[in-house]
Structure formats: structure tokens, C-alpha cells
């Protein structure tokens, strides 16, 4: 059986695509669509959630992107300093620490500082 080798892109609608791309580049270091983003190798989770989950924020948000980070606390502080909406709660699990923030268009995203991650 053929299998995919990774995620090649994440595409979503935006009211101001150029402005939102610039925000992600300035605040998270993700280059805009004109260049590719070479990521560090690491774990990726693919997980459907129930339709009524509140984990993504509002029910109108159908997806939530999770970004791996080296230093969760530093990234959350960087986002706060840039004026982003950042949740105060940081959660911890055996496989890492998690924080959440919201981009300028109201999309909640997750930041993950991995710990010991079980592989399959």
C-alpha cells in the first residue's frame, strides 16, 4: 500500500491572505507562500475530533493547526509582546507542554513543546 510521506501544505481561507501570511512570518517565522518552509524533523499528529469539541475554540473553527516549538514559554511571551491573544493556561502531558494563541483573524492555534513522544 502506498502511504503519504508527510504534510505538504496547509491551506485555509482568510479575509486578508497577504496580511495574515505576513503576521505568521513576523510572529512565528513561517515563510509566505512564495517560498517553501523547511521544517525540522519531528512528530506529527493526525487526529479527527468530535464535531462538538471546544478544543479548537469556537464551533465555527473546523480545524486547528499545531506548531512544534523548542521553548513554549519564550514563544508565548513573544506572541504576547506582539499583541497576540494568548491563553494564560499551559497544559502538560507526558508527551509535552501545550499553549494556545489566536491569529489576527480569530483562528486559534496550538503550540507544542514535545516531550517524550511515543512512535508507531
N, C-alpha and C. Protein backbone atom coordinates (compact mmCIF):
# COMPACT_ATOMS: atom_id res chain seq x y z
N UNK A 1 0.83 -1.18 0.00
CA UNK A 1 0.00 0.00 0.00
C UNK A 1 0.88 1.25 0.00
N UNK A 2 0.56 2.22 -0.83
CA UNK A 2 1.26 3.50 -0.83
C UNK A 2 0.84 4.32 0.38
N UNK A 3 1.76 5.07 0.94
CA UNK A 3 1.47 5.94 2.09
C UNK A 3 2.01 7.33 1.80
N UNK A 4 1.37 8.32 2.37
CA UNK A 4 1.90 9.68 2.25
C UNK A 4 3.18 9.77 3.07
N UNK A 5 4.05 10.69 2.72
CA UNK A 5 5.33 10.83 3.41
C UNK A 5 5.37 12.02 4.36
N UNK A 6 4.32 12.79 4.39
CA UNK A 6 4.28 13.95 5.29
C UNK A 6 3.22 14.93 4.81
N UNK A 7 3.09 16.00 5.52
CA UNK A 7 2.15 17.05 5.13
C UNK A 7 2.89 18.02 4.23
N UNK A 8 2.34 18.23 3.05
CA UNK A 8 2.98 19.11 2.07
C UNK A 8 2.52 20.54 2.13
N UNK A 9 1.41 20.80 2.78
CA UNK A 9 0.91 22.17 2.89
C UNK A 9 -0.35 22.21 3.71
N UNK A 10 -0.67 23.38 4.19
CA UNK A 10 -1.92 23.60 4.91
C UNK A 10 -2.53 24.85 4.30
N UNK A 11 -3.72 24.73 3.74
CA UNK A 11 -4.35 25.82 3.01
C UNK A 11 -5.65 26.18 3.70
N UNK A 12 -5.89 27.47 3.88
CA UNK A 12 -7.12 27.90 4.55
C UNK A 12 -7.52 29.27 4.04
N UNK A 13 -8.78 29.57 4.19
CA UNK A 13 -9.32 30.86 3.74
C UNK A 13 -8.97 31.95 4.75
N UNK A 14 -8.79 33.16 4.22
CA UNK A 14 -8.51 34.31 5.08
C UNK A 14 -9.15 35.55 4.47
N UNK A 15 -9.60 36.45 5.32
CA UNK A 15 -10.15 37.71 4.84
C UNK A 15 -9.06 38.55 4.18
N UNK A 16 -7.85 38.52 4.74
CA UNK A 16 -6.71 39.26 4.22
C UNK A 16 -5.52 38.29 4.12
N UNK A 17 -5.47 37.48 3.05
CA UNK A 17 -4.42 36.46 2.95
C UNK A 17 -3.00 37.04 3.03
N UNK A 18 -2.76 38.16 2.38
CA UNK A 18 -1.42 38.76 2.38
C UNK A 18 -1.05 39.23 3.79
N UNK A 19 -1.98 39.91 4.45
CA UNK A 19 -1.71 40.39 5.80
C UNK A 19 -1.53 39.27 6.79
N UNK A 20 -2.35 38.23 6.68
CA UNK A 20 -2.25 37.11 7.61
C UNK A 20 -0.95 36.34 7.38
N UNK A 21 -0.56 36.16 6.13
CA UNK A 21 0.72 35.50 5.83
C UNK A 21 1.88 36.30 6.43
N UNK A 22 1.80 37.63 6.32
CA UNK A 22 2.85 38.48 6.89
C UNK A 22 2.88 38.35 8.42
N UNK A 23 1.71 38.23 9.06
CA UNK A 23 1.66 38.07 10.51
C UNK A 23 2.33 36.77 10.93
N UNK A 24 2.01 35.67 10.24
CA UNK A 24 2.62 34.38 10.59
C UNK A 24 4.13 34.40 10.37
N UNK A 25 4.57 35.09 9.33
CA UNK A 25 6.02 35.18 9.09
C UNK A 25 6.69 36.01 10.18
N UNK A 26 6.10 37.15 10.53
CA UNK A 26 6.70 38.04 11.53
C UNK A 26 6.67 37.45 12.94
N UNK A 27 5.62 36.71 13.27
CA UNK A 27 5.45 36.26 14.66
C UNK A 27 5.82 34.81 14.91
N UNK A 28 5.73 33.96 13.88
CA UNK A 28 6.08 32.55 14.07
C UNK A 28 7.23 32.10 13.16
N UNK A 29 7.67 32.97 12.27
CA UNK A 29 8.78 32.61 11.39
C UNK A 29 8.41 31.71 10.24
N UNK A 30 7.12 31.62 9.91
CA UNK A 30 6.67 30.77 8.81
C UNK A 30 6.71 31.59 7.52
N UNK A 31 7.51 31.20 6.54
CA UNK A 31 7.59 32.00 5.32
C UNK A 31 6.28 31.98 4.53
N UNK A 32 6.08 33.03 3.78
CA UNK A 32 4.85 33.12 2.98
C UNK A 32 4.87 32.10 1.85
N UNK A 33 3.78 32.04 1.11
CA UNK A 33 3.59 31.01 0.09
C UNK A 33 4.62 31.07 -1.04
N UNK A 34 5.30 32.18 -1.21
CA UNK A 34 6.27 32.30 -2.30
C UNK A 34 7.51 31.42 -2.09
N UNK A 35 7.74 31.01 -0.85
CA UNK A 35 8.88 30.14 -0.55
C UNK A 35 8.38 28.94 0.24
N UNK A 36 9.12 27.86 0.19
CA UNK A 36 8.72 26.69 0.97
C UNK A 36 9.31 26.80 2.37
N UNK A 37 8.72 26.08 3.27
CA UNK A 37 9.13 26.09 4.67
C UNK A 37 9.77 24.75 4.97
N UNK A 38 11.08 24.73 5.16
CA UNK A 38 11.78 23.50 5.52
C UNK A 38 11.69 23.35 7.03
N UNK A 39 10.93 22.36 7.46
CA UNK A 39 10.70 22.13 8.88
C UNK A 39 11.73 21.19 9.47
N UNK A 40 11.89 21.28 10.77
CA UNK A 40 12.72 20.30 11.46
C UNK A 40 11.97 18.97 11.48
N UNK A 41 12.70 17.89 11.39
CA UNK A 41 12.07 16.58 11.51
C UNK A 41 11.51 16.43 12.91
N UNK A 42 10.36 15.81 13.00
CA UNK A 42 9.76 15.61 14.31
C UNK A 42 8.40 14.97 14.17
N UNK A 43 7.78 14.71 15.30
CA UNK A 43 6.49 14.02 15.29
C UNK A 43 5.37 14.91 14.74
N UNK A 44 4.41 14.28 14.10
CA UNK A 44 3.19 14.93 13.63
C UNK A 44 2.02 14.07 14.06
N UNK A 45 0.98 14.71 14.56
CA UNK A 45 -0.22 14.00 14.98
C UNK A 45 -1.34 14.33 14.01
N UNK A 46 -2.04 13.33 13.55
CA UNK A 46 -3.21 13.49 12.68
C UNK A 46 -4.38 12.92 13.46
N UNK A 47 -5.31 13.79 13.91
CA UNK A 47 -6.35 13.31 14.81
C UNK A 47 -7.69 14.00 14.55
N UNK A 48 -8.66 13.26 14.02
CA UNK A 48 -10.01 13.81 13.95
C UNK A 48 -10.58 13.99 15.36
N UNK A 49 -11.35 15.06 15.54
CA UNK A 49 -12.01 15.34 16.82
C UNK A 49 -13.51 15.29 16.62
N UNK A 50 -14.28 15.11 17.67
CA UNK A 50 -15.75 15.15 17.54
C UNK A 50 -16.20 16.53 17.05
N UNK A 51 -17.32 16.57 16.35
CA UNK A 51 -17.81 17.83 15.78
C UNK A 51 -18.16 18.86 16.85
N UNK A 52 -18.45 18.43 18.07
CA UNK A 52 -18.83 19.38 19.11
C UNK A 52 -17.68 19.75 20.05
N UNK A 53 -16.43 19.45 19.66
CA UNK A 53 -15.29 19.77 20.53
C UNK A 53 -15.17 21.29 20.72
N UNK A 54 -14.78 21.69 21.91
CA UNK A 54 -14.49 23.10 22.14
C UNK A 54 -12.97 23.32 22.21
N UNK A 55 -12.20 22.28 21.91
CA UNK A 55 -10.74 22.36 21.97
C UNK A 55 -10.19 23.36 20.97
N UNK A 56 -10.87 23.54 19.84
CA UNK A 56 -10.39 24.46 18.80
C UNK A 56 -10.81 25.90 19.08
N UNK A 57 -11.56 26.12 20.13
CA UNK A 57 -12.15 27.44 20.37
C UNK A 57 -13.62 27.36 20.00
N UNK A 58 -14.08 28.26 19.15
CA UNK A 58 -15.48 28.27 18.74
C UNK A 58 -15.81 27.12 17.80
N UNK A 59 -17.08 26.73 17.79
CA UNK A 59 -17.52 25.63 16.93
C UNK A 59 -17.41 25.96 15.45
N UNK A 60 -17.33 27.24 15.10
CA UNK A 60 -17.20 27.62 13.69
C UNK A 60 -15.81 27.30 13.12
N UNK A 61 -14.83 27.09 14.00
CA UNK A 61 -13.48 26.75 13.54
C UNK A 61 -13.41 25.25 13.30
N UNK A 62 -13.22 24.85 12.06
CA UNK A 62 -13.25 23.43 11.68
C UNK A 62 -11.93 22.71 11.87
N UNK A 63 -10.83 23.43 11.89
CA UNK A 63 -9.51 22.82 12.03
C UNK A 63 -8.68 23.64 13.01
N UNK A 64 -7.63 23.05 13.54
CA UNK A 64 -6.67 23.79 14.35
C UNK A 64 -5.28 23.28 14.03
N UNK A 65 -4.40 24.18 13.72
CA UNK A 65 -3.02 23.83 13.41
C UNK A 65 -2.21 23.80 14.70
N UNK A 66 -1.36 22.81 14.83
CA UNK A 66 -0.48 22.64 15.98
C UNK A 66 0.95 22.83 15.47
N UNK A 67 1.68 23.75 16.09
CA UNK A 67 3.08 24.01 15.72
C UNK A 67 3.99 23.50 16.82
N UNK A 68 5.04 22.76 16.43
CA UNK A 68 6.07 22.35 17.39
C UNK A 68 6.99 23.55 17.66
N UNK A 69 7.39 23.71 18.91
CA UNK A 69 8.32 24.77 19.29
C UNK A 69 9.38 24.20 20.22
N UNK A 70 10.53 24.85 20.26
CA UNK A 70 11.60 24.42 21.17
C UNK A 70 11.38 24.94 22.58
N UNK A 71 10.86 26.17 22.71
CA UNK A 71 10.69 26.81 24.02
C UNK A 71 9.31 27.44 24.07
N UNK A 72 8.34 26.72 24.63
CA UNK A 72 6.96 27.19 24.67
C UNK A 72 6.83 28.53 25.39
N UNK A 73 7.45 28.66 26.54
CA UNK A 73 7.32 29.89 27.31
C UNK A 73 7.83 31.10 26.54
N UNK A 74 8.97 30.95 25.88
CA UNK A 74 9.54 32.05 25.10
C UNK A 74 8.63 32.41 23.92
N UNK A 75 8.06 31.41 23.26
CA UNK A 75 7.17 31.68 22.13
C UNK A 75 5.91 32.38 22.59
N UNK A 76 5.32 31.93 23.68
CA UNK A 76 4.11 32.58 24.19
C UNK A 76 4.40 34.03 24.58
N UNK A 77 5.54 34.28 25.19
CA UNK A 77 5.91 35.64 25.56
C UNK A 77 6.15 36.51 24.32
N UNK A 78 6.76 35.94 23.32
CA UNK A 78 6.99 36.65 22.05
C UNK A 78 5.66 37.06 21.42
N UNK A 79 4.70 36.15 21.43
CA UNK A 79 3.38 36.45 20.87
C UNK A 79 2.66 37.51 21.70
N UNK A 80 2.74 37.42 23.01
CA UNK A 80 2.12 38.45 23.87
C UNK A 80 2.72 39.82 23.58
N UNK A 81 4.05 39.87 23.47
CA UNK A 81 4.73 41.14 23.21
C UNK A 81 4.32 41.74 21.87
N UNK A 82 3.93 40.88 20.92
CA UNK A 82 3.49 41.34 19.60
C UNK A 82 2.01 41.71 19.59
N UNK A 83 1.34 41.55 20.74
CA UNK A 83 -0.07 41.91 20.85
C UNK A 83 -1.04 40.81 20.51
N UNK A 84 -0.56 39.58 20.36
CA UNK A 84 -1.45 38.46 20.04
C UNK A 84 -2.26 38.07 21.27
N UNK A 85 -3.43 37.50 21.04
CA UNK A 85 -4.23 36.93 22.10
C UNK A 85 -3.65 35.56 22.44
N UNK A 86 -3.20 35.41 23.68
CA UNK A 86 -2.56 34.17 24.12
C UNK A 86 -3.30 33.67 25.36
N UNK A 87 -3.68 32.40 25.37
CA UNK A 87 -4.32 31.81 26.54
C UNK A 87 -3.31 31.77 27.69
N UNK A 88 -3.78 32.05 28.89
CA UNK A 88 -2.91 32.01 30.07
C UNK A 88 -2.57 30.58 30.47
N UNK A 89 -3.47 29.65 30.20
CA UNK A 89 -3.28 28.26 30.63
C UNK A 89 -2.27 27.53 29.74
N UNK A 90 -1.32 26.89 30.37
CA UNK A 90 -0.38 25.98 29.71
C UNK A 90 -0.65 24.61 30.28
N UNK A 91 -0.87 23.62 29.42
CA UNK A 91 -1.13 22.27 29.92
C UNK A 91 0.09 21.39 29.69
N UNK A 92 0.19 20.38 30.53
CA UNK A 92 1.32 19.46 30.45
C UNK A 92 0.82 18.03 30.38
N UNK A 93 1.50 17.24 29.59
CA UNK A 93 1.21 15.82 29.46
C UNK A 93 2.56 15.09 29.40
N UNK A 94 2.52 13.80 29.43
CA UNK A 94 3.77 13.03 29.39
C UNK A 94 4.52 13.27 28.07
N UNK A 95 3.82 13.69 27.03
CA UNK A 95 4.43 13.88 25.71
C UNK A 95 4.68 15.35 25.38
N UNK A 96 4.56 16.25 26.37
CA UNK A 96 4.94 17.63 26.12
C UNK A 96 4.06 18.65 26.81
N UNK A 97 4.33 19.91 26.49
CA UNK A 97 3.60 21.06 27.04
C UNK A 97 2.88 21.77 25.90
N UNK A 98 1.71 22.34 26.22
CA UNK A 98 0.86 22.94 25.19
C UNK A 98 0.38 24.32 25.61
N UNK A 99 0.34 25.22 24.65
CA UNK A 99 -0.23 26.54 24.84
C UNK A 99 -1.04 26.89 23.60
N UNK A 100 -1.88 27.91 23.73
CA UNK A 100 -2.75 28.30 22.62
C UNK A 100 -2.73 29.80 22.42
N UNK A 101 -2.89 30.21 21.17
CA UNK A 101 -2.98 31.63 20.82
C UNK A 101 -3.94 31.76 19.66
N UNK A 102 -4.24 33.01 19.32
CA UNK A 102 -5.20 33.30 18.25
C UNK A 102 -4.55 34.27 17.28
N UNK A 103 -4.67 33.99 15.98
CA UNK A 103 -4.11 34.91 14.98
C UNK A 103 -5.04 36.11 14.78
N UNK A 104 -4.64 37.11 14.00
CA UNK A 104 -5.45 38.32 13.84
C UNK A 104 -6.84 38.10 13.24
N UNK A 105 -7.07 36.95 12.59
CA UNK A 105 -8.38 36.68 12.02
C UNK A 105 -9.22 35.76 12.90
N UNK A 106 -8.75 35.50 14.11
CA UNK A 106 -9.53 34.72 15.06
C UNK A 106 -9.30 33.22 15.02
N UNK A 107 -8.30 32.75 14.29
CA UNK A 107 -8.00 31.32 14.22
C UNK A 107 -7.15 30.91 15.41
N UNK A 108 -7.69 30.03 16.23
CA UNK A 108 -6.94 29.51 17.38
C UNK A 108 -5.93 28.49 16.87
N UNK A 109 -4.70 28.54 17.38
CA UNK A 109 -3.70 27.54 17.03
C UNK A 109 -3.01 27.08 18.31
N UNK A 110 -2.38 25.93 18.19
CA UNK A 110 -1.74 25.31 19.36
C UNK A 110 -0.24 25.31 19.17
N UNK A 111 0.47 25.51 20.27
CA UNK A 111 1.93 25.42 20.29
C UNK A 111 2.30 24.25 21.18
N UNK A 112 3.19 23.42 20.70
CA UNK A 112 3.55 22.19 21.40
C UNK A 112 5.05 22.10 21.57
N UNK A 113 5.50 22.03 22.80
CA UNK A 113 6.89 21.74 23.10
C UNK A 113 6.96 20.26 23.44
N UNK A 114 7.39 19.43 22.46
CA UNK A 114 7.34 17.97 22.68
C UNK A 114 8.21 17.51 23.84
N UNK A 115 7.72 16.47 24.49
CA UNK A 115 8.49 15.75 25.49
C UNK A 115 8.81 14.39 24.89
N UNK A 116 8.67 13.38 25.65
CA UNK A 116 8.85 12.03 25.13
C UNK A 116 7.61 11.63 24.34
N UNK A 117 7.77 11.45 23.05
CA UNK A 117 6.64 11.14 22.19
C UNK A 117 6.73 9.68 21.76
N UNK A 118 5.69 8.88 22.05
CA UNK A 118 5.72 7.50 21.60
C UNK A 118 5.60 7.42 20.09
N UNK A 119 6.42 6.60 19.44
CA UNK A 119 6.36 6.44 17.99
C UNK A 119 5.62 5.17 17.66
N UNK A 120 5.03 5.16 16.44
CA UNK A 120 4.35 3.96 15.95
C UNK A 120 5.15 3.33 14.86
